[in-house]
Each structure stands twice: as C-alpha cells, then as structure tokens.
Amino acid sequence: YEYLWILGSKKHPEFQKHHEAFDKVKASFDKIKYDEPIDEIKKEME
C-alpha cells in the first residue's frame, strides 16, 4: 500500500510516460525481499 502520484487524465501529455514509469517501479519493487540487497533495484530506478 505504498504509492506514487501518477497523472490520471489521458489528455495530459505526460499521462502515458507517467504510467510507463510507474509500471517499471512496480515491476522492480515486486522483486524486493526484506532479506536481500537492493543494489540492482537502485540501478533500475535511476
């Protein structure tokens, strides 16, 4: 239940890129485990 603020109006020019960015965040953080290093996740978030 952690969250980012993502544009919700399709008319906005950043709408598509906002959602693409969030999808990548979600995919990367889904791989995080409390007992494993996050060095690779840091690179993916750059």
All heavy atoms as atom14 arrays in JSON, in Angstrom:
{
  "sequence": "YEYLWILGSKKHPEFQKHHEAFDKVKASFDKIKYDEPIDEIKKEME",
  "atom14_mask": [
    [1, 1, 1, 1, 1, 1, 1, 1, 1, 1, 1, 1, 0, 0],
    [1, 1, 1, 1, 1, 1, 1, 1, 1, 0, 0, 0, 0, 0],
    [1, 1, 1, 1, 1, 1, 1, 1, 1, 1, 1, 1, 0, 0],
    [1, 1, 1, 1, 1, 1, 1, 1, 0, 0, 0, 0, 0, 0],
    [1, 1, 1, 1, 1, 1, 1, 1, 1, 1, 1, 1, 1, 1],
    [1, 1, 1, 1, 1, 1, 1, 1, 0, 0, 0, 0, 0, 0],
    [1, 1, 1, 1, 1, 1, 1, 1, 0, 0, 0, 0, 0, 0],
    [1, 1, 1, 1, 0, 0, 0, 0, 0, 0, 0, 0, 0, 0],
    [1, 1, 1, 1, 1, 1, 0, 0, 0, 0, 0, 0, 0, 0],
    [1, 1, 1, 1, 1, 1, 1, 1, 1, 0, 0, 0, 0, 0],
    [1, 1, 1, 1, 1, 1, 1, 1, 1, 0, 0, 0, 0, 0],
    [1, 1, 1, 1, 1, 1, 1, 1, 1, 1, 0, 0, 0, 0],
    [1, 1, 1, 1, 1, 1, 1, 0, 0, 0, 0, 0, 0, 0],
    [1, 1, 1, 1, 1, 1, 1, 1, 1, 0, 0, 0, 0, 0],
    [1, 1, 1, 1, 1, 1, 1, 1, 1, 1, 1, 0, 0, 0],
    [1, 1, 1, 1, 1, 1, 1, 1, 1, 0, 0, 0, 0, 0],
    [1, 1, 1, 1, 1, 1, 1, 1, 1, 0, 0, 0, 0, 0],
    [1, 1, 1, 1, 1, 1, 1, 1, 1, 1, 0, 0, 0, 0],
    [1, 1, 1, 1, 1, 1, 1, 1, 1, 1, 0, 0, 0, 0],
    [1, 1, 1, 1, 1, 1, 1, 1, 1, 0, 0, 0, 0, 0],
    [1, 1, 1, 1, 1, 0, 0, 0, 0, 0, 0, 0, 0, 0],
    [1, 1, 1, 1, 1, 1, 1, 1, 1, 1, 1, 0, 0, 0],
    [1, 1, 1, 1, 1, 1, 1, 1, 0, 0, 0, 0, 0, 0],
    [1, 1, 1, 1, 1, 1, 1, 1, 1, 0, 0, 0, 0, 0],
    [1, 1, 1, 1, 1, 1, 1, 0, 0, 0, 0, 0, 0, 0],
    [1, 1, 1, 1, 1, 1, 1, 1, 1, 0, 0, 0, 0, 0],
    [1, 1, 1, 1, 1, 0, 0, 0, 0, 0, 0, 0, 0, 0],
    [1, 1, 1, 1, 1, 1, 0, 0, 0, 0, 0, 0, 0, 0],
    [1, 1, 1, 1, 1, 1, 1, 1, 1, 1, 1, 0, 0, 0],
    [1, 1, 1, 1, 1, 1, 1, 1, 0, 0, 0, 0, 0, 0],
    [1, 1, 1, 1, 1, 1, 1, 1, 1, 0, 0, 0, 0, 0],
    [1, 1, 1, 1, 1, 1, 1, 1, 0, 0, 0, 0, 0, 0],
    [1, 1, 1, 1, 1, 1, 1, 1, 1, 0, 0, 0, 0, 0],
    [1, 1, 1, 1, 1, 1, 1, 1, 1, 1, 1, 1, 0, 0],
    [1, 1, 1, 1, 1, 1, 1, 1, 0, 0, 0, 0, 0, 0],
    [1, 1, 1, 1, 1, 1, 1, 1, 1, 0, 0, 0, 0, 0],
    [1, 1, 1, 1, 1, 1, 1, 0, 0, 0, 0, 0, 0, 0],
    [1, 1, 1, 1, 1, 1, 1, 1, 0, 0, 0, 0, 0, 0],
    [1, 1, 1, 1, 1, 1, 1, 1, 0, 0, 0, 0, 0, 0],
    [1, 1, 1, 1, 1, 1, 1, 1, 1, 0, 0, 0, 0, 0],
    [1, 1, 1, 1, 1, 1, 1, 1, 0, 0, 0, 0, 0, 0],
    [1, 1, 1, 1, 1, 1, 1, 1, 1, 0, 0, 0, 0, 0],
    [1, 1, 1, 1, 1, 1, 1, 1, 1, 0, 0, 0, 0, 0],
    [1, 1, 1, 1, 1, 1, 1, 1, 1, 0, 0, 0, 0, 0],
    [1, 1, 1, 1, 1, 1, 1, 1, 0, 0, 0, 0, 0, 0],
    [1, 1, 1, 1, 1, 1, 1, 1, 1, 0, 0, 0, 0, 0]
  ],
  "atom14_positions": [
    [[0.79, -1.22, 0.0], [0.0, 0.0, 0.0], [0.83, 1.28, 0.0], [0.32, 2.35, 0.32], [-0.96, -0.02, 1.19], [-1.98, -1.12, 1.07], [-1.83, -2.31, 1.79], [-3.06, -1.0, 0.2], [-2.75, -3.34, 1.65], [-3.99, -2.02, 0.07], [-3.83, -3.19, 0.79], [-4.75, -4.21, 0.65], [0.0, 0.0, 0.0], [0.0, 0.0, 0.0]],
    [[2.12, 1.18, -0.36], [2.88, 2.4, -0.61], [2.46, 2.9, -1.99], [1.97, 2.14, -2.81], [4.38, 2.13, -0.53], [5.22, 3.38, -0.46], [4.7, 4.39, 0.53], [4.83, 4.16, 1.75], [4.13, 5.41, 0.09], [0.0, 0.0, 0.0], [0.0, 0.0, 0.0], [0.0, 0.0, 0.0], [0.0, 0.0, 0.0], [0.0, 0.0, 0.0]],
    [[2.62, 4.2, -2.26], [2.1, 4.71, -3.54], [2.94, 5.85, -4.12], [3.72, 6.51, -3.41], [0.65, 5.18, -3.38], [0.48, 6.35, -2.41], [0.62, 7.67, -2.85], [0.18, 6.12, -1.07], [0.46, 8.73, -1.97], [0.03, 7.17, -0.18], [0.17, 8.47, -0.63], [0.02, 9.51, 0.24], [0.0, 0.0, 0.0], [0.0, 0.0, 0.0]],
    [[2.76, 6.05, -5.42], [3.27, 7.22, -6.14], [2.08, 8.0, -6.66], [0.98, 7.45, -6.84], [4.16, 6.78, -7.31], [5.42, 5.97, -6.99], [6.18, 5.69, -8.3], [6.31, 6.67, -6.0], [0.0, 0.0, 0.0], [0.0, 0.0, 0.0], [0.0, 0.0, 0.0], [0.0, 0.0, 0.0], [0.0, 0.0, 0.0], [0.0, 0.0, 0.0]],
    [[2.3, 9.3, -6.94], [1.26, 10.12, -7.57], [1.45, 10.06, -9.09], [2.46, 10.5, -9.61], [1.35, 11.57, -7.1], [0.83, 11.8, -5.7], [1.54, 12.19, -4.61], [-0.52, 11.68, -5.27], [0.73, 12.31, -3.53], [-0.56, 12.0, -3.9], [-1.73, 11.32, -5.91], [-1.73, 11.99, -3.14], [-2.9, 11.29, -5.15], [-2.9, 11.63, -3.79]],
    [[0.46, 9.5, -9.78], [0.53, 9.31, -11.22], [-0.63, 10.04, -11.89], [-1.77, 10.0, -11.41], [0.48, 7.81, -11.58], [1.63, 7.06, -10.89], [0.54, 7.6, -13.09], [3.02, 7.53, -11.27], [0.0, 0.0, 0.0], [0.0, 0.0, 0.0], [0.0, 0.0, 0.0], [0.0, 0.0, 0.0], [0.0, 0.0, 0.0], [0.0, 0.0, 0.0]],
    [[-0.32, 10.73, -13.01], [-1.35, 11.5, -13.72], [-2.5, 10.6, -14.16], [-2.31, 9.52, -14.71], [-0.73, 12.19, -14.93], [0.2, 13.36, -14.59], [1.1, 13.71, -15.76], [-0.62, 14.58, -14.17], [0.0, 0.0, 0.0], [0.0, 0.0, 0.0], [0.0, 0.0, 0.0], [0.0, 0.0, 0.0], [0.0, 0.0, 0.0], [0.0, 0.0, 0.0]],
    [[-3.73, 11.1, -13.92], [-4.9, 10.28, -14.21], [-5.68, 10.7, -15.44], [-6.59, 9.99, -15.86], [0.0, 0.0, 0.0], [0.0, 0.0, 0.0], [0.0, 0.0, 0.0], [0.0, 0.0, 0.0], [0.0, 0.0, 0.0], [0.0, 0.0, 0.0], [0.0, 0.0, 0.0], [0.0, 0.0, 0.0], [0.0, 0.0, 0.0], [0.0, 0.0, 0.0]],
    [[-5.33, 11.83, -16.05], [-6.06, 12.31, -17.22], [-5.32, 11.93, -18.51], [-4.15, 12.28, -18.71], [-6.22, 13.83, -17.16], [-6.82, 14.31, -18.34], [0.0, 0.0, 0.0], [0.0, 0.0, 0.0], [0.0, 0.0, 0.0], [0.0, 0.0, 0.0], [0.0, 0.0, 0.0], [0.0, 0.0, 0.0], [0.0, 0.0, 0.0], [0.0, 0.0, 0.0]],
    [[-6.02, 11.23, -19.38], [-5.41, 10.79, -20.64], [-5.07, 11.97, -21.55], [-4.28, 11.84, -22.48], [-6.35, 9.83, -21.37], [-6.51, 8.5, -20.65], [-7.41, 7.56, -21.45], [-7.56, 6.22, -20.75], [-8.42, 5.29, -21.5], [0.0, 0.0, 0.0], [0.0, 0.0, 0.0], [0.0, 0.0, 0.0], [0.0, 0.0, 0.0], [0.0, 0.0, 0.0]],
    [[-5.68, 13.12, -21.31], [-5.42, 14.31, -22.14], [-4.06, 14.92, -21.84], [-3.55, 15.71, -22.63], [-6.52, 15.35, -21.91], [-7.9, 14.91, -22.37], [-8.92, 16.0, -22.12], [-10.31, 15.6, -22.58], [-11.3, 16.67, -22.34], [0.0, 0.0, 0.0], [0.0, 0.0, 0.0], [0.0, 0.0, 0.0], [0.0, 0.0, 0.0], [0.0, 0.0, 0.0]],
    [[-3.5, 14.59, -20.7], [-2.24, 15.21, -20.33], [-1.1, 14.57, -21.13], [-1.04, 13.35, -21.28], [-1.97, 15.03, -18.83], [-0.96, 15.99, -18.29], [0.39, 15.84, -18.51], [-1.11, 17.13, -17.57], [1.03, 16.83, -17.94], [0.15, 17.64, -17.34], [0.0, 0.0, 0.0], [0.0, 0.0, 0.0], [0.0, 0.0, 0.0], [0.0, 0.0, 0.0]],
    [[-0.16, 15.38, -21.65], [0.93, 14.85, -22.49], [1.86, 13.89, -21.74], [2.55, 13.09, -22.37], [1.67, 16.11, -22.95], [1.31, 17.16, -21.96], [-0.1, 16.86, -21.55], [0.0, 0.0, 0.0], [0.0, 0.0, 0.0], [0.0, 0.0, 0.0], [0.0, 0.0, 0.0], [0.0, 0.0, 0.0], [0.0, 0.0, 0.0], [0.0, 0.0, 0.0]],
    [[1.9, 13.96, -20.39], [2.78, 13.07, -19.62], [2.06, 11.81, -19.15], [2.67, 10.97, -18.49], [3.34, 13.82, -18.4], [4.17, 15.05, -18.72], [5.46, 14.7, -19.45], [5.9, 13.54, -19.37], [6.02, 15.6, -20.11], [0.0, 0.0, 0.0], [0.0, 0.0, 0.0], [0.0, 0.0, 0.0], [0.0, 0.0, 0.0], [0.0, 0.0, 0.0]],
    [[0.78, 11.68, -19.47], [-0.01, 10.57, -18.97], [0.64, 9.22, -19.28], [0.85, 8.39, -18.4], [-1.42, 10.62, -19.55], [-2.26, 9.42, -19.21], [-2.94, 9.35, -18.01], [-2.37, 8.35, -20.11], [-3.7, 8.23, -17.68], [-3.14, 7.23, -19.79], [-3.81, 7.18, -18.58], [0.0, 0.0, 0.0], [0.0, 0.0, 0.0], [0.0, 0.0, 0.0]],
    [[0.97, 9.01, -20.55], [1.5, 7.72, -20.98], [2.84, 7.42, -20.31], [3.07, 6.33, -19.78], [1.65, 7.69, -22.5], [2.05, 6.34, -23.07], [0.98, 5.28, -22.86], [-0.22, 5.59, -22.89], [1.4, 4.04, -22.63], [0.0, 0.0, 0.0], [0.0, 0.0, 0.0], [0.0, 0.0, 0.0], [0.0, 0.0, 0.0], [0.0, 0.0, 0.0]],
    [[3.74, 8.41, -20.3], [5.07, 8.2, -19.72], [5.0, 8.01, -18.2], [5.77, 7.25, -17.62], [5.98, 9.38, -20.07], [6.34, 9.45, -21.55], [7.27, 10.61, -21.82], [7.66, 10.65, -23.3], [8.58, 11.78, -23.6], [0.0, 0.0, 0.0], [0.0, 0.0, 0.0], [0.0, 0.0, 0.0], [0.0, 0.0, 0.0], [0.0, 0.0, 0.0]],
    [[4.06, 8.74, -17.58], [3.86, 8.58, -16.14], [3.53, 7.12, -15.81], [4.09, 6.52, -14.89], [2.73, 9.5, -15.66], [3.21, 10.62, -14.77], [2.64, 10.9, -13.57], [4.22, 11.52, -14.94], [3.27, 11.93, -13.01], [4.23, 12.33, -13.85], [0.0, 0.0, 0.0], [0.0, 0.0, 0.0], [0.0, 0.0, 0.0], [0.0, 0.0, 0.0]],
    [[2.59, 6.56, -16.58], [2.15, 5.19, -16.32], [3.23, 4.17, -16.67], [3.36, 3.15, -15.99], [0.85, 4.91, -17.08], [-0.36, 5.46, -16.37], [-1.12, 4.72, -15.52], [-0.9, 6.72, -16.4], [-2.11, 5.49, -15.04], [-1.99, 6.7, -15.58], [0.0, 0.0, 0.0], [0.0, 0.0, 0.0], [0.0, 0.0, 0.0], [0.0, 0.0, 0.0]],
    [[3.98, 4.44, -17.71], [5.09, 3.54, -18.05], [6.13, 3.53, -16.95], [6.68, 2.48, -16.59], [5.72, 3.98, -19.38], [4.84, 3.72, -20.59], [5.43, 4.29, -21.86], [6.52, 4.94, -21.77], [4.82, 4.13, -22.94], [0.0, 0.0, 0.0], [0.0, 0.0, 0.0], [0.0, 0.0, 0.0], [0.0, 0.0, 0.0], [0.0, 0.0, 0.0]],
    [[6.41, 4.71, -16.41], [7.38, 4.81, -15.32], [6.89, 4.05, -14.09], [7.65, 3.3, -13.45], [7.63, 6.28, -14.96], [0.0, 0.0, 0.0], [0.0, 0.0, 0.0], [0.0, 0.0, 0.0], [0.0, 0.0, 0.0], [0.0, 0.0, 0.0], [0.0, 0.0, 0.0], [0.0, 0.0, 0.0], [0.0, 0.0, 0.0], [0.0, 0.0, 0.0]],
    [[5.6, 4.22, -13.78], [5.06, 3.52, -12.61], [5.11, 2.0, -12.8], [5.45, 1.27, -11.87], [3.62, 3.94, -12.32], [2.99, 3.11, -11.25], [3.35, 3.3, -9.91], [2.1, 2.09, -11.56], [2.81, 2.49, -8.92], [1.56, 1.29, -10.57], [1.92, 1.49, -9.24], [0.0, 0.0, 0.0], [0.0, 0.0, 0.0], [0.0, 0.0, 0.0]],
    [[4.77, 1.54, -13.99], [4.8, 0.09, -14.25], [6.19, -0.49, -14.01], [6.34, -1.6, -13.48], [4.35, -0.21, -15.68], [2.85, 0.03, -15.87], [2.13, 0.08, -14.86], [2.41, 0.19, -17.03], [0.0, 0.0, 0.0], [0.0, 0.0, 0.0], [0.0, 0.0, 0.0], [0.0, 0.0, 0.0], [0.0, 0.0, 0.0], [0.0, 0.0, 0.0]],
    [[7.21, 0.27, -14.36], [8.58, -0.19, -14.14], [8.92, -0.2, -12.65], [9.62, -1.1, -12.17], [9.57, 0.68, -14.92], [9.47, 0.51, -16.44], [10.41, 1.45, -17.16], [10.27, 1.3, -18.68], [11.14, 2.26, -19.41], [0.0, 0.0, 0.0], [0.0, 0.0, 0.0], [0.0, 0.0, 0.0], [0.0, 0.0, 0.0], [0.0, 0.0, 0.0]],
    [[8.44, 0.84, -11.94], [8.65, 0.88, -10.49], [8.0, -0.35, -9.84], [8.61, -1.04, -9.03], [8.06, 2.17, -9.89], [8.05, 2.08, -8.36], [8.87, 3.38, -10.34], [0.0, 0.0, 0.0], [0.0, 0.0, 0.0], [0.0, 0.0, 0.0], [0.0, 0.0, 0.0], [0.0, 0.0, 0.0], [0.0, 0.0, 0.0], [0.0, 0.0, 0.0]],
    [[6.78, -0.59, -10.2], [6.04, -1.71, -9.62], [6.75, -3.05, -9.9], [6.9, -3.89, -9.0], [4.61, -1.75, -10.16], [3.69, -2.72, -9.42], [2.26, -2.58, -9.93], [1.3, -3.4, -9.08], [1.69, -4.8, -8.91], [0.0, 0.0, 0.0], [0.0, 0.0, 0.0], [0.0, 0.0, 0.0], [0.0, 0.0, 0.0], [0.0, 0.0, 0.0]],
    [[7.18, -3.23, -11.13], [7.84, -4.49, -11.5], [9.14, -4.67, -10.72], [9.47, -5.78, -10.27], [8.1, -4.51, -13.0], [0.0, 0.0, 0.0], [0.0, 0.0, 0.0], [0.0, 0.0, 0.0], [0.0, 0.0, 0.0], [0.0, 0.0, 0.0], [0.0, 0.0, 0.0], [0.0, 0.0, 0.0], [0.0, 0.0, 0.0], [0.0, 0.0, 0.0]],
    [[9.89, -3.59, -10.55], [11.16, -3.68, -9.83], [10.94, -3.94, -8.34], [11.59, -4.82, -7.75], [11.97, -2.4, -10.02], [12.43, -2.28, -11.35], [0.0, 0.0, 0.0], [0.0, 0.0, 0.0], [0.0, 0.0, 0.0], [0.0, 0.0, 0.0], [0.0, 0.0, 0.0], [0.0, 0.0, 0.0], [0.0, 0.0, 0.0], [0.0, 0.0, 0.0]],
    [[10.03, -3.19, -7.73], [9.82, -3.34, -6.3], [9.14, -4.66, -5.94], [9.25, -5.13, -4.81], [9.04, -2.14, -5.75], [9.91, -0.98, -5.37], [10.38, -0.1, -6.34], [10.29, -0.77, -4.05], [11.2, 0.96, -6.0], [11.11, 0.29, -3.7], [11.57, 1.16, -4.68], [0.0, 0.0, 0.0], [0.0, 0.0, 0.0], [0.0, 0.0, 0.0]],
    [[8.42, -5.24, -6.88], [7.83, -6.56, -6.64], [8.91, -7.62, -6.4], [8.66, -8.65, -5.77], [6.95, -6.99, -7.83], [5.56, -6.37, -7.77], [5.21, -5.82, -6.7], [4.83, -6.44, -8.77], [0.0, 0.0, 0.0], [0.0, 0.0, 0.0], [0.0, 0.0, 0.0], [0.0, 0.0, 0.0], [0.0, 0.0, 0.0], [0.0, 0.0, 0.0]],
    [[10.1, -7.36, -6.9], [11.21, -8.31, -6.75], [11.94, -8.15, -5.41], [12.74, -9.01, -5.03], [12.21, -8.14, -7.9], [11.63, -8.44, -9.27], [12.69, -8.34, -10.37], [13.2, -6.91, -10.51], [14.18, -6.78, -11.63], [0.0, 0.0, 0.0], [0.0, 0.0, 0.0], [0.0, 0.0, 0.0], [0.0, 0.0, 0.0], [0.0, 0.0, 0.0]],
    [[11.69, -7.03, -4.73], [12.42, -6.76, -3.48], [12.0, -7.72, -2.38], [10.81, -7.98, -2.18], [12.2, -5.31, -3.02], [12.89, -4.33, -3.97], [12.74, -5.1, -1.6], [12.76, -2.89, -3.56], [0.0, 0.0, 0.0], [0.0, 0.0, 0.0], [0.0, 0.0, 0.0], [0.0, 0.0, 0.0], [0.0, 0.0, 0.0], [0.0, 0.0, 0.0]],
    [[12.99, -8.25, -1.66], [12.75, -9.06, -0.48], [13.49, -8.43, 0.69], [14.56, -7.85, 0.51], [13.22, -10.5, -0.71], [12.44, -11.22, -1.81], [12.94, -12.65, -1.98], [12.15, -13.36, -3.07], [12.63, -14.75, -3.27], [0.0, 0.0, 0.0], [0.0, 0.0, 0.0], [0.0, 0.0, 0.0], [0.0, 0.0, 0.0], [0.0, 0.0, 0.0]],
    [[12.88, -8.56, 1.87], [13.47, -7.89, 3.03], [14.87, -8.39, 3.36], [15.67, -7.67, 3.97], [12.56, -8.06, 4.26], [12.55, -9.46, 4.84], [13.52, -9.87, 5.76], [11.56, -10.38, 4.47], [13.52, -11.14, 6.29], [11.56, -11.66, 5.0], [12.54, -12.04, 5.91], [12.53, -13.31, 6.44], [0.0, 0.0, 0.0], [0.0, 0.0, 0.0]],
    [[15.19, -9.63, 2.96], [16.48, -10.21, 3.35], [17.49, -10.27, 2.21], [18.47, -11.01, 2.29], [16.27, -11.61, 3.93], [15.55, -12.54, 2.97], [15.12, -12.07, 1.9], [15.42, -13.74, 3.3], [0.0, 0.0, 0.0], [0.0, 0.0, 0.0], [0.0, 0.0, 0.0], [0.0, 0.0, 0.0], [0.0, 0.0, 0.0], [0.0, 0.0, 0.0]],
    [[17.25, -9.49, 1.14], [18.19, -9.48, 0.03], [18.61, -8.04, -0.29], [17.83, -7.11, -0.12], [17.56, -10.12, -1.22], [17.29, -11.61, -1.06], [16.71, -12.21, -2.33], [16.48, -11.45, -3.31], [16.47, -13.44, -2.34], [0.0, 0.0, 0.0], [0.0, 0.0, 0.0], [0.0, 0.0, 0.0], [0.0, 0.0, 0.0], [0.0, 0.0, 0.0]],
    [[19.84, -7.82, -0.79], [20.32, -6.48, -1.13], [19.47, -5.84, -2.22], [18.81, -6.52, -3.01], [21.75, -6.73, -1.63], [22.12, -8.07, -1.12], [20.86, -8.87, -1.04], [0.0, 0.0, 0.0], [0.0, 0.0, 0.0], [0.0, 0.0, 0.0], [0.0, 0.0, 0.0], [0.0, 0.0, 0.0], [0.0, 0.0, 0.0], [0.0, 0.0, 0.0]],
    [[19.48, -4.5, -2.26], [18.67, -3.79, -3.25], [19.55, -3.02, -4.25], [19.07, -2.09, -4.91], [17.69, -2.82, -2.57], [18.45, -1.81, -1.69], [16.66, -3.58, -1.74], [17.56, -0.7, -1.17], [0.0, 0.0, 0.0], [0.0, 0.0, 0.0], [0.0, 0.0, 0.0], [0.0, 0.0, 0.0], [0.0, 0.0, 0.0], [0.0, 0.0, 0.0]],
    [[20.81, -3.41, -4.4], [21.72, -2.7, -5.31], [21.2, -2.69, -6.75], [21.24, -1.66, -7.43], [23.11, -3.34, -5.27], [23.77, -3.22, -3.9], [23.34, -2.32, -3.15], [24.67, -4.0, -3.6], [0.0, 0.0, 0.0], [0.0, 0.0, 0.0], [0.0, 0.0, 0.0], [0.0, 0.0, 0.0], [0.0, 0.0, 0.0], [0.0, 0.0, 0.0]],
    [[20.68, -3.83, -7.22], [20.16, -3.91, -8.58], [18.93, -3.04, -8.75], [18.71, -2.43, -9.8], [19.84, -5.36, -8.94], [21.06, -6.25, -9.12], [21.97, -5.73, -10.24], [21.44, -5.29, -11.29], [23.21, -5.73, -10.04], [0.0, 0.0, 0.0], [0.0, 0.0, 0.0], [0.0, 0.0, 0.0], [0.0, 0.0, 0.0], [0.0, 0.0, 0.0]],
    [[18.1, -2.97, -7.73], [16.88, -2.15, -7.79], [17.26, -0.68, -7.9], [16.63, 0.09, -8.63], [16.0, -2.39, -6.55], [15.71, -3.87, -6.38], [14.7, -1.59, -6.64], [14.98, -4.5, -7.54], [0.0, 0.0, 0.0], [0.0, 0.0, 0.0], [0.0, 0.0, 0.0], [0.0, 0.0, 0.0], [0.0, 0.0, 0.0], [0.0, 0.0, 0.0]],
    [[18.3, -0.28, -7.19], [18.76, 1.11, -7.28], [19.15, 1.46, -8.71], [18.82, 2.54, -9.21], [19.96, 1.33, -6.35], [19.6, 1.38, -4.87], [20.83, 1.68, -4.02], [20.48, 1.78, -2.56], [21.66, 2.11, -1.72], [0.0, 0.0, 0.0], [0.0, 0.0, 0.0], [0.0, 0.0, 0.0], [0.0, 0.0, 0.0], [0.0, 0.0, 0.0]],
    [[19.84, 0.55, -9.39], [20.24, 0.8, -10.79], [19.01, 0.91, -11.69], [18.94, 1.76, -12.57], [21.15, -0.32, -11.28], [22.52, -0.33, -10.61], [23.38, -1.48, -11.15], [24.75, -1.5, -10.47], [25.59, -2.62, -10.96], [0.0, 0.0, 0.0], [0.0, 0.0, 0.0], [0.0, 0.0, 0.0], [0.0, 0.0, 0.0], [0.0, 0.0, 0.0]],
    [[18.01, 0.04, -11.44], [16.8, 0.06, -12.25], [15.99, 1.33, -12.04], [15.23, 1.75, -12.93], [15.94, -1.17, -11.92], [16.57, -2.49, -12.36], [15.76, -3.7, -11.92], [14.6, -3.51, -11.5], [16.28, -4.83, -12.01], [0.0, 0.0, 0.0], [0.0, 0.0, 0.0], [0.0, 0.0, 0.0], [0.0, 0.0, 0.0], [0.0, 0.0, 0.0]],
    [[16.13, 1.95, -10.89], [15.36, 3.16, -10.59], [16.02, 4.43, -11.12], [15.37, 5.48, -11.18], [15.16, 3.29, -9.07], [14.16, 2.29, -8.49], [12.5, 2.43, -9.21], [12.53, 1.04, -10.37], [0.0, 0.0, 0.0], [0.0, 0.0, 0.0], [0.0, 0.0, 0.0], [0.0, 0.0, 0.0], [0.0, 0.0, 0.0], [0.0, 0.0, 0.0]],
    [[17.27, 4.38, -11.51], [17.97, 5.58, -11.99], [17.26, 6.24, -13.17], [17.02, 7.45, -13.15], [19.42, 5.24, -12.34], [20.29, 4.99, -11.11], [21.71, 4.57, -11.48], [22.01, 4.51, -12.71], [22.52, 4.32, -10.57], [0.0, 0.0, 0.0], [0.0, 0.0, 0.0], [0.0, 0.0, 0.0], [0.0, 0.0, 0.0], [0.0, 0.0, 0.0]]
  ]
}
